[in-house]
Amino acid sequence: MLLYIHIPYCDSKCHYCAFNSYVEKFDTRKNYMLALEKQLKFELKRFEVTEQSIETIFIGGGTPSTITPLLYQPIFKLIQPLIKKGAEITTEANPNSATKTWLEGMFELGVNRISFGVQSFNHKKLKVLNRAHSPQQAIKAIKRAYEIGFKNISLDLIYNYQGDTKELLKSDIKEAFELPINHISAYELTIEHGTKFASTPDVQQTDDELAFFVASEIEKRGFKQYEISNFGTYQSKHNRGYWKLKDYIGVGAGAVGFQKDRRYYPTIDIELYIKNPLNIQEETLTQEELLTEKLFLGLRSNIGVDENILDKEMKRRADFLVKENKLIKEGTVYKNMNYFIADELVLYLLG
């Protein structure tokens, strides 16, 4: 069982961000966390969560570091008996709002992994992305988190922004590896509807070679790629749980929950969520939809695809891909060694 907690507040709205986040509603934070606690109590009953059955927790956003640890305390008090011993508990954070006090407070609550939204160590690039921090703040925040006691630290990088070169990205990666991290998420810039960049789509450059370059530069420094965008000497247990389609609770405005063949969508709007956090839409997935998800998630990561979920024709196609050195087979599991062609492989398997 996984738990995702969504915090929809941000210091500033990044020009590429399509997540449910707001910069002007900070006065609602206390009431929002009370509503989130109410939904969480409901979901714990719906999912029939028992003692020590929550394997991982991920606090995402938005920007979780815009919420004081004091407001997280009731949530952690509620779930403490349900958290499995040694569970991975991750929070995202922005360098400018992850103060020493905030980091210490989250660490004391039991958070043991932190993911920093860095995106770049290039001042000019940060500015055009509308990031609220400087390269120096990112460096300082990561070092501070390590000194406080966080041993599992990740950072995000973005590539294929207009003007990105191998030299710039190599410099970003070099800077990252000088910090006490054991994980990097490297995301290709995508232009999504409703974002600031949607009106200027030319800010995204299409250079497939850069994707391979970024992956190669990270891997040759010792971080193994275990999913199309994720690398590390440590592999996120929460991420892997998603890719295995484990059940997960999603609480907060804009979160998503999943159980067996059903998805749950709480209200997105903050004010409406505060008024009624139990207004949750449901969606039932067909077996065909679940199979398609398993294929995409499996081949985009080192999870792979078990032959037992494939029909006769899909298995024949998978065996052909093994023969053509596009997949390898380990026991009963087909695995993909080039995550960048995962989607094409899945479409071929589906026929």
Protein backbone atom coordinates (compact mmCIF):
# COMPACT_ATOMS: atom_id res chain seq x y z
CA MET A 1 0.00 0.00 0.00
CA LEU A 2 1.33 3.42 -1.02
CA LEU A 3 0.21 6.87 0.13
CA TYR A 4 0.43 10.07 -1.89
CA ILE A 5 -0.25 13.48 -0.29
CA HIS A 6 -0.76 16.45 -2.63
CA ILE A 7 0.18 19.99 -1.58
CA PRO A 8 -1.14 22.44 -4.22
CA TYR A 9 0.71 25.59 -3.11
CA CYS A 10 3.72 27.13 -4.85
CA ASP A 11 6.03 30.10 -4.36
CA SER A 12 5.80 30.79 -8.10
CA LYS A 13 4.24 29.05 -11.11
CA CYS A 14 6.92 27.57 -13.34
CA HIS A 15 6.27 28.27 -17.01
CA TYR A 16 6.23 24.54 -17.87
CA CYS A 17 4.13 23.34 -14.93
CA ALA A 18 0.76 21.68 -15.61
CA PHE A 19 0.27 20.29 -12.09
CA ASN A 20 -2.59 21.43 -9.89
CA SER A 21 -0.84 24.25 -8.02
CA TYR A 22 -1.58 27.82 -6.95
CA VAL A 23 0.49 30.83 -5.92
CA GLU A 24 -2.25 33.08 -4.52
CA LYS A 25 -4.16 30.97 -1.97
CA PHE A 26 -1.73 30.66 0.93
CA ASP A 27 -4.36 31.86 3.41
CA THR A 28 -6.25 28.56 2.91
CA ARG A 29 -3.38 26.29 3.99
CA LYS A 30 -4.58 25.54 7.54
CA ASN A 31 -8.11 24.67 6.42
CA TYR A 32 -6.74 22.71 3.48
CA MET A 33 -4.67 20.46 5.76
CA LEU A 34 -7.73 19.89 7.98
CA ALA A 35 -9.73 18.85 4.90
CA LEU A 36 -6.88 16.61 3.77
CA GLU A 37 -6.89 14.90 7.17
CA LYS A 38 -10.63 14.30 6.81
CA GLN A 39 -10.20 12.70 3.39
CA LEU A 40 -7.29 10.61 4.66
CA LYS A 41 -9.42 9.14 7.47
CA PHE A 42 -12.06 8.24 4.88
CA GLU A 43 -9.53 6.63 2.52
CA LEU A 44 -7.88 4.59 5.28
CA LYS A 45 -11.27 2.95 5.89
CA ARG A 46 -12.08 2.55 2.19
CA PHE A 47 -8.70 0.87 1.52
CA GLU A 48 -8.99 -1.12 4.79
CA VAL A 49 -5.48 -0.10 5.83
CA THR A 50 -4.09 -2.16 8.69
CA GLU A 51 -1.13 -1.68 11.03
CA GLN A 52 2.28 -1.40 9.33
CA SER A 53 0.84 -1.82 5.83
CA ILE A 54 1.83 1.55 4.33
CA GLU A 55 5.07 0.77 2.50
CA THR A 56 5.86 4.23 1.14
CA ILE A 57 4.64 7.82 1.49
CA PHE A 58 5.24 10.59 -1.03
CA ILE A 59 4.40 14.24 -0.34
CA GLY A 60 4.29 16.06 -3.67
CA GLY A 61 2.91 19.16 -5.26
CA GLY A 62 2.91 21.95 -5.85
CA THR A 63 5.55 22.62 -3.24
CA PRO A 64 5.36 20.70 0.07
CA SER A 65 7.95 23.06 1.59
CA THR A 66 5.34 25.86 1.56
CA ILE A 67 3.55 24.04 4.41
CA THR A 68 5.02 24.26 7.91
CA PRO A 69 5.86 20.92 9.62
CA LEU A 70 3.38 21.92 12.36
CA LEU A 71 0.50 21.47 9.89
CA TYR A 72 1.81 18.04 8.87
CA GLN A 73 1.88 16.79 12.48
CA PRO A 74 -1.80 15.64 12.69
CA ILE A 75 -1.37 13.69 9.44
CA PHE A 76 1.70 11.85 10.70
CA LYS A 77 0.09 11.21 14.09
CA LEU A 78 -2.88 9.61 12.31
CA ILE A 79 -0.83 7.29 10.08
CA GLN A 80 2.07 6.50 12.43
CA PRO A 81 0.73 3.07 13.54
CA LEU A 82 0.00 2.18 9.90
CA ILE A 83 3.48 2.86 8.55
CA LYS A 84 5.59 -0.20 7.89
CA LYS A 85 8.91 -0.32 9.73
CA GLY A 86 11.64 1.08 7.48
CA ALA A 87 9.11 2.66 5.09
CA GLU A 88 10.38 5.16 2.54
CA ILE A 89 8.89 8.58 3.32
CA THR A 90 9.65 11.19 0.66
CA THR A 91 8.86 14.87 0.36
CA GLU A 92 9.45 17.18 -2.56
CA ALA A 93 10.89 20.63 -1.80
CA ASN A 94 12.02 23.81 -3.48
CA PRO A 95 15.47 25.13 -2.51
CA ASN A 96 14.19 28.60 -1.62
CA SER A 97 11.50 27.42 0.84
CA ALA A 98 13.31 24.39 2.30
CA THR A 99 14.74 26.31 5.23
CA LYS A 100 16.82 24.74 8.00
CA THR A 101 13.79 24.90 10.32
CA TRP A 102 11.53 23.26 7.73
CA LEU A 103 14.01 20.47 6.94
CA GLU A 104 14.59 19.75 10.64
CA GLY A 105 10.84 19.69 11.28
CA MET A 106 10.14 17.22 8.46
CA PHE A 107 13.07 15.03 9.51
CA GLU A 108 11.69 14.89 13.06
CA LEU A 109 8.30 13.78 11.68
CA GLY A 110 9.98 10.77 10.08
CA VAL A 111 10.56 11.94 6.52
CA ASN A 112 13.71 10.11 5.36
CA ARG A 113 14.00 11.04 1.67
CA ILE A 114 13.83 14.41 -0.05
CA SER A 115 13.54 15.37 -3.70
CA PHE A 116 14.63 18.89 -4.64
CA GLY A 117 13.19 20.69 -7.66
CA VAL A 118 16.46 22.10 -8.98
CA GLN A 119 15.98 21.84 -12.79
CA SER A 120 19.30 23.56 -13.56
CA PHE A 121 22.33 25.19 -11.98
CA ASN A 122 22.39 27.77 -14.77
CA HIS A 123 21.12 31.13 -13.53
CA LYS A 124 19.79 32.27 -16.92
CA LYS A 125 17.93 29.00 -17.51
CA LEU A 126 16.34 29.11 -14.06
CA LYS A 127 15.08 32.61 -14.77
CA VAL A 128 13.41 31.73 -18.08
CA LEU A 129 11.82 28.64 -16.49
CA ASN A 130 10.48 31.01 -13.79
CA ARG A 131 12.11 29.08 -10.97
CA ALA A 132 12.06 30.90 -7.62
CA HIS A 133 15.57 29.90 -6.50
CA SER A 134 19.16 30.54 -7.50
CA PRO A 135 21.87 27.93 -8.16
CA GLN A 136 23.49 28.88 -4.83
CA GLN A 137 20.24 28.30 -2.92
CA ALA A 138 19.92 24.83 -4.46
CA ILE A 139 23.46 23.88 -3.50
CA LYS A 140 23.02 25.21 0.03
CA ALA A 141 19.65 23.48 0.58
CA ILE A 142 20.93 20.07 -0.54
CA LYS A 143 24.04 20.27 1.62
CA ARG A 144 21.93 21.43 4.57
CA ALA A 145 19.51 18.50 4.17
CA TYR A 146 22.41 16.06 4.22
CA GLU A 147 23.89 17.67 7.33
CA ILE A 148 20.51 17.39 9.10
CA GLY A 149 20.45 13.64 8.43
CA PHE A 150 18.73 12.98 5.10
CA LYS A 151 20.72 10.18 3.47
CA ASN A 152 18.47 9.66 0.44
CA ILE A 153 18.46 12.90 -1.54
CA SER A 154 17.30 13.39 -5.13
CA LEU A 155 17.20 16.35 -7.48
CA ASP A 156 15.34 17.09 -10.73
CA LEU A 157 16.93 18.35 -13.93
CA ILE A 158 15.18 19.52 -17.11
CA TYR A 159 16.61 19.27 -20.62
CA ASN A 160 15.64 20.17 -24.19
CA TYR A 161 14.72 23.73 -23.32
CA GLN A 162 15.51 26.03 -26.25
CA GLY A 163 19.18 26.83 -26.04
CA ASP A 164 20.16 23.71 -24.11
CA THR A 165 23.53 22.44 -25.32
CA LYS A 166 25.65 19.46 -24.38
CA GLU A 167 28.03 21.85 -22.63
CA LEU A 168 25.27 23.40 -20.47
CA LEU A 169 23.74 20.04 -19.55
CA LYS A 170 27.11 18.48 -18.84
CA SER A 171 27.82 21.39 -16.50
CA ASP A 172 24.47 20.83 -14.72
CA ILE A 173 25.19 17.12 -14.30
CA LYS A 174 28.75 17.78 -13.09
CA GLU A 175 27.40 20.25 -10.51
CA ALA A 176 24.80 17.74 -9.35
CA PHE A 177 27.39 15.04 -8.75
CA GLU A 178 29.39 17.35 -6.52
CA LEU A 179 26.48 17.26 -4.07
CA PRO A 180 25.52 14.52 -1.53
CA ILE A 181 22.77 12.94 -3.67
CA ASN A 182 22.04 9.34 -4.65
CA HIS A 183 19.27 9.93 -7.21
CA ILE A 184 18.52 12.18 -10.20
CA SER A 185 15.27 12.60 -12.14
CA ALA A 186 16.02 14.04 -15.60
CA TYR A 187 12.89 15.19 -17.41
CA GLU A 188 12.56 16.29 -21.00
CA LEU A 189 10.71 19.58 -21.27
CA THR A 190 7.17 19.07 -22.56
CA ILE A 191 4.71 21.77 -23.53
CA GLU A 192 1.30 21.16 -22.00
CA HIS A 193 -2.02 22.95 -22.43
CA GLY A 194 -2.70 25.65 -19.86
CA THR A 195 0.95 26.40 -19.09
CA LYS A 196 2.77 29.67 -19.77
CA PHE A 197 4.94 27.92 -22.35
CA ALA A 198 1.84 26.77 -24.27
CA SER A 199 1.75 30.21 -25.92
CA THR A 200 5.42 29.93 -26.93
CA PRO A 201 5.90 26.27 -27.90
CA ASP A 202 9.16 27.03 -29.70
CA VAL A 203 10.89 27.16 -26.29
CA GLN A 204 11.00 23.36 -26.53
CA GLN A 205 13.65 22.00 -28.81
CA THR A 206 13.38 18.55 -30.34
CA ASP A 207 16.76 16.91 -30.01
CA ASP A 208 16.58 13.18 -29.33
CA GLU A 209 20.36 13.05 -29.14
CA LEU A 210 20.29 15.18 -25.98
CA ALA A 211 18.16 12.57 -24.20
CA PHE A 212 20.76 9.90 -24.87
CA PHE A 213 23.55 12.33 -23.96
CA VAL A 214 21.98 13.21 -20.59
CA ALA A 215 21.39 9.53 -19.76
CA SER A 216 24.95 8.63 -20.75
CA GLU A 217 26.52 11.47 -18.74
CA ILE A 218 24.55 10.48 -15.61
CA GLU A 219 25.18 6.74 -15.98
CA LYS A 220 28.91 7.05 -16.55
CA ARG A 221 29.13 8.78 -13.18
CA GLY A 222 27.65 5.70 -11.50
CA PHE A 223 23.88 6.32 -11.38
CA LYS A 224 22.06 3.44 -13.09
CA GLN A 225 18.99 4.29 -15.18
CA TYR A 226 16.02 2.33 -13.84
CA GLU A 227 13.23 4.19 -15.65
CA ILE A 228 13.09 6.54 -18.61
CA SER A 229 13.63 9.62 -16.38
CA ASN A 230 15.14 8.18 -13.18
CA PHE A 231 18.71 7.31 -12.23
CA GLY A 232 20.44 6.46 -8.99
CA THR A 233 22.44 4.24 -6.71
CA TYR A 234 19.15 4.30 -4.79
CA GLN A 235 15.88 3.40 -6.54
CA SER A 236 12.70 5.03 -5.24
CA LYS A 237 10.45 2.39 -3.70
CA HIS A 238 7.43 4.66 -4.17
CA ASN A 239 8.11 5.03 -7.89
CA ARG A 240 8.54 1.29 -8.31
CA GLY A 241 5.28 0.72 -6.46
CA TYR A 242 3.46 2.91 -9.00
CA TRP A 243 5.03 1.06 -11.90
CA LYS A 244 3.97 -2.29 -10.44
CA LEU A 245 0.40 -0.92 -10.20
CA LYS A 246 0.22 -1.43 -6.45
CA ASP A 247 -2.79 0.07 -4.67
CA TYR A 248 -2.20 3.65 -3.60
CA ILE A 249 -4.18 6.23 -1.66
CA GLY A 250 -4.20 9.75 -3.08
CA VAL A 251 -5.25 12.58 -0.76
CA GLY A 252 -5.48 16.29 -1.53
CA ALA A 253 -6.87 18.50 -4.28
CA GLY A 254 -5.57 17.06 -7.54
CA ALA A 255 -4.34 13.75 -6.12
CA VAL A 256 -5.28 10.39 -7.66
CA GLY A 257 -5.92 7.10 -5.87
CA PHE A 258 -5.90 3.58 -7.30
CA GLN A 259 -7.31 0.28 -6.03
CA LYS A 260 -7.44 -2.92 -8.10
CA ASP A 261 -9.29 -1.65 -11.17
CA ARG A 262 -10.60 1.67 -9.92
CA ARG A 263 -9.24 5.23 -9.83
CA TYR A 264 -10.35 7.93 -7.43
CA TYR A 265 -10.19 11.67 -8.20
CA PRO A 266 -10.74 14.19 -5.38
CA THR A 267 -11.91 17.71 -6.30
CA ILE A 268 -9.16 19.82 -7.91
CA ASP A 269 -10.26 23.29 -6.76
CA ILE A 270 -8.82 24.20 -3.35
CA GLU A 271 -11.90 26.02 -2.01
CA LEU A 272 -14.27 23.27 -3.14
CA TYR A 273 -11.96 20.64 -1.69
CA ILE A 274 -11.92 22.42 1.68
CA LYS A 275 -15.74 22.55 1.68
CA ASN A 276 -16.09 18.87 0.80
CA PRO A 277 -12.95 16.72 0.58
CA LEU A 278 -15.11 13.62 0.15
CA ASN A 279 -16.47 14.71 -3.23
CA ILE A 280 -14.45 12.06 -5.06
CA GLN A 281 -15.08 10.90 -8.63
CA GLU A 282 -14.53 7.25 -9.53
CA GLU A 283 -13.39 5.60 -12.74
CA THR A 284 -13.41 1.86 -13.42
CA LEU A 285 -10.68 0.57 -15.73
CA THR A 286 -11.26 -2.32 -18.13
CA GLN A 287 -8.93 -5.32 -18.18
CA GLU A 288 -7.63 -4.10 -21.53
CA GLU A 289 -6.80 -0.68 -20.06
CA LEU A 290 -5.03 -2.27 -17.09
CA LEU A 291 -2.99 -4.50 -19.41
CA THR A 292 -1.98 -1.50 -21.53
CA GLU A 293 -0.84 0.37 -18.41
CA LYS A 294 1.19 -2.61 -17.23
CA LEU A 295 2.91 -2.78 -20.61
CA PHE A 296 3.79 0.92 -20.71
CA LEU A 297 4.91 1.06 -17.07
CA GLY A 298 6.84 -2.20 -17.31
CA LEU A 299 8.79 -1.37 -20.46
CA ARG A 300 9.50 2.25 -19.42
CA SER A 301 11.23 0.88 -16.30
CA ASN A 302 13.29 -2.06 -15.08
CA ILE A 303 10.09 -3.71 -13.76
CA GLY A 304 9.53 -5.45 -17.10
CA VAL A 305 6.50 -7.40 -18.29
CA ASP A 306 5.66 -10.92 -17.11
CA GLU A 307 4.75 -13.29 -19.94
CA ASN A 308 1.78 -14.55 -17.94
CA ILE A 309 -0.18 -11.35 -18.61
CA LEU A 310 0.29 -11.63 -22.39
CA ASP A 311 -2.01 -13.46 -24.79
CA LYS A 312 -0.57 -15.87 -27.37
CA GLU A 313 -0.11 -13.24 -30.10
CA MET A 314 1.50 -10.70 -27.75
CA LYS A 315 3.90 -13.37 -26.49
CA ARG A 316 4.83 -14.25 -30.07
CA ARG A 317 5.57 -10.58 -30.74
CA ALA A 318 7.57 -10.27 -27.52
CA ASP A 319 9.66 -13.32 -28.44
CA PHE A 320 10.31 -11.76 -31.85
CA LEU A 321 11.56 -8.58 -30.12
CA VAL A 322 13.91 -10.74 -28.02
CA LYS A 323 15.24 -12.34 -31.21
CA GLU A 324 15.79 -8.84 -32.67
CA ASN A 325 17.63 -7.74 -29.49
CA LYS A 326 14.96 -5.14 -28.69
CA LEU A 327 14.00 -6.94 -25.45
CA ILE A 328 15.72 -9.44 -23.21
CA LYS A 329 14.03 -12.19 -21.23
CA GLU A 330 14.90 -12.98 -17.62
CA GLY A 331 12.96 -16.04 -16.52
CA THR A 332 9.35 -15.22 -17.34
CA VAL A 333 9.91 -11.44 -17.53
CA TYR A 334 10.54 -9.41 -20.68
CA LYS A 335 12.75 -6.38 -20.05
CA ASN A 336 13.62 -3.35 -22.13
CA MET A 337 17.19 -2.07 -22.28
CA ASN A 338 16.37 1.15 -24.14
CA TYR A 339 13.61 3.02 -22.29
CA PHE A 340 13.50 5.75 -24.93
CA ILE A 341 11.80 3.37 -27.40
CA ALA A 342 9.42 1.88 -24.81
CA ASP A 343 6.27 3.39 -26.31
CA GLU A 344 7.06 2.03 -29.78
CA LEU A 345 7.67 -1.43 -28.32
CA VAL A 346 4.34 -1.38 -26.48
CA LEU A 347 2.44 -0.32 -29.60
CA TYR A 348 4.05 -3.20 -31.49
CA LEU A 349 3.04 -5.70 -28.77
CA LEU A 350 -0.53 -4.40 -28.85
CA GLY A 351 -0.61 -4.82 -32.63
